[in-house]
Amino acid sequence: MTVRIIPATLRDLSYIAANLRPGDRTEIDCQFDEWSPALLALTALQGFAYVAELNGNPEAGFGAAEQRGGLWIAWSWGTRRMKRCVPGITAFFHAVLGPQVAA
């Protein structure tokens, strides 16, 4: 089981958004009146966005974006296999994403 973190693409994020875990879908439904996988993917690309691949398959999207003047939000959502990627995502947050946001 190999987890690889790569820069997000519209294609990978759209695939993940189309195959969300039920809990992620419920949370996103609460935030948007109407959404589609492509719209969610485009929204995610507005800041720092990454994809966690598990054995070459995109399973989780995550990142951070500035909402306004110094207020940042971190986000993540994924497929049912996302939980296998969480240790790699957490390590990446600490090593790469945190310093990017701080800069």
Protein backbone atom coordinates (compact mmCIF):
# COMPACT_ATOMS: atom_id res chain seq x y z
CA MET A 1 0.00 0.00 0.00
CA THR A 2 1.81 3.08 -1.27
CA VAL A 3 0.55 6.60 -0.55
CA ARG A 4 1.89 9.36 -2.76
CA ILE A 5 1.09 13.08 -2.40
CA ILE A 6 0.95 15.02 -5.66
CA PRO A 7 -0.26 18.47 -6.77
CA ALA A 8 -4.00 18.38 -7.39
CA THR A 9 -5.46 18.40 -10.87
CA LEU A 10 -9.02 19.13 -11.93
CA ARG A 11 -9.31 15.56 -13.20
CA ASP A 12 -8.22 13.90 -9.95
CA LEU A 13 -10.28 16.19 -7.71
CA SER A 14 -13.36 15.70 -9.91
CA TYR A 15 -12.97 11.93 -9.63
CA ILE A 16 -12.64 12.11 -5.84
CA ALA A 17 -15.61 14.52 -5.58
CA ALA A 18 -17.75 12.13 -7.65
CA ASN A 19 -16.90 9.27 -5.26
CA LEU A 20 -17.13 10.99 -1.86
CA ARG A 21 -17.58 9.22 1.44
CA PRO A 22 -21.16 9.70 2.66
CA GLY A 23 -20.04 11.95 5.54
CA ASP A 24 -18.09 14.24 3.21
CA ARG A 25 -21.06 14.43 0.82
CA THR A 26 -23.38 15.39 3.69
CA GLU A 27 -21.02 18.12 4.88
CA ILE A 28 -20.63 19.56 1.37
CA ASP A 29 -24.41 19.41 0.80
CA CYS A 30 -24.80 21.66 3.87
CA GLN A 31 -22.40 24.26 2.47
CA PHE A 32 -23.65 24.60 -1.10
CA ASP A 33 -27.21 24.97 -2.41
CA GLU A 34 -26.17 23.25 -5.63
CA TRP A 35 -22.83 21.67 -6.46
CA SER A 36 -21.26 19.21 -8.83
CA PRO A 37 -18.00 17.28 -8.65
CA ALA A 38 -16.44 19.65 -11.20
CA LEU A 39 -17.53 22.76 -9.26
CA LEU A 40 -16.19 21.34 -6.00
CA ALA A 41 -12.90 20.51 -7.73
CA LEU A 42 -12.61 24.01 -9.21
CA THR A 43 -13.31 25.56 -5.81
CA ALA A 44 -10.61 23.39 -4.21
CA LEU A 45 -8.04 24.59 -6.74
CA GLN A 46 -8.33 28.19 -5.48
CA GLY A 47 -5.53 27.73 -2.95
CA PHE A 48 -2.94 25.09 -2.17
CA ALA A 49 -4.44 21.78 -3.31
CA TYR A 50 -3.03 18.26 -3.24
CA VAL A 51 -4.17 14.72 -3.91
CA ALA A 52 -3.27 11.60 -1.99
CA GLU A 53 -2.95 8.59 -4.25
CA LEU A 54 -3.23 5.07 -2.88
CA ASN A 55 -1.52 2.57 -5.16
CA GLY A 56 -1.80 5.08 -8.01
CA ASN A 57 -5.51 5.88 -7.53
CA PRO A 58 -6.66 9.34 -6.35
CA GLU A 59 -8.41 8.81 -3.01
CA ALA A 60 -8.28 12.15 -1.16
CA GLY A 61 -8.08 15.83 -1.93
CA PHE A 62 -6.78 18.25 0.67
CA GLY A 63 -5.29 21.68 1.00
CA ALA A 64 -5.64 25.17 2.38
CA ALA A 65 -6.96 28.46 1.04
CA GLU A 66 -7.02 32.02 2.30
CA GLN A 67 -10.62 33.06 2.91
CA ARG A 68 -9.79 36.72 3.54
CA GLY A 69 -6.94 38.82 4.95
CA GLY A 70 -4.96 36.23 6.86
CA LEU A 71 -7.84 33.86 7.66
CA TRP A 72 -7.10 30.44 6.21
CA ILE A 73 -9.15 27.27 6.01
CA ALA A 74 -7.76 23.77 5.75
CA TRP A 75 -9.94 21.22 3.99
CA SER A 76 -9.98 17.56 3.02
CA TRP A 77 -12.43 15.12 1.52
CA GLY A 78 -12.14 11.76 -0.13
CA THR A 79 -13.35 8.35 -1.12
CA ARG A 80 -14.00 5.49 1.29
CA ARG A 81 -10.31 4.56 0.99
CA MET A 82 -9.18 8.00 2.24
CA LYS A 83 -8.58 6.72 5.78
CA ARG A 84 -5.60 4.72 4.51
CA CYS A 85 -4.05 7.99 3.28
CA VAL A 86 -4.50 10.03 6.47
CA PRO A 87 -1.05 9.33 7.99
CA GLY A 88 0.64 10.50 4.77
CA ILE A 89 -1.64 13.55 4.53
CA THR A 90 -0.90 14.50 8.14
CA ALA A 91 2.86 14.22 7.62
CA PHE A 92 2.57 16.34 4.45
CA PHE A 93 0.57 19.01 6.31
CA HIS A 94 3.32 19.33 8.91
CA ALA A 95 6.27 19.19 6.51
CA VAL A 96 5.02 21.10 3.46
CA LEU A 97 1.56 22.65 3.66
CA GLY A 98 1.99 24.32 7.06
CA PRO A 99 5.17 26.12 5.97
CA GLN A 100 3.49 27.15 2.68
CA VAL A 101 0.59 28.76 4.55
CA ALA A 102 2.94 30.40 7.07
CA ALA A 103 4.98 31.95 4.26
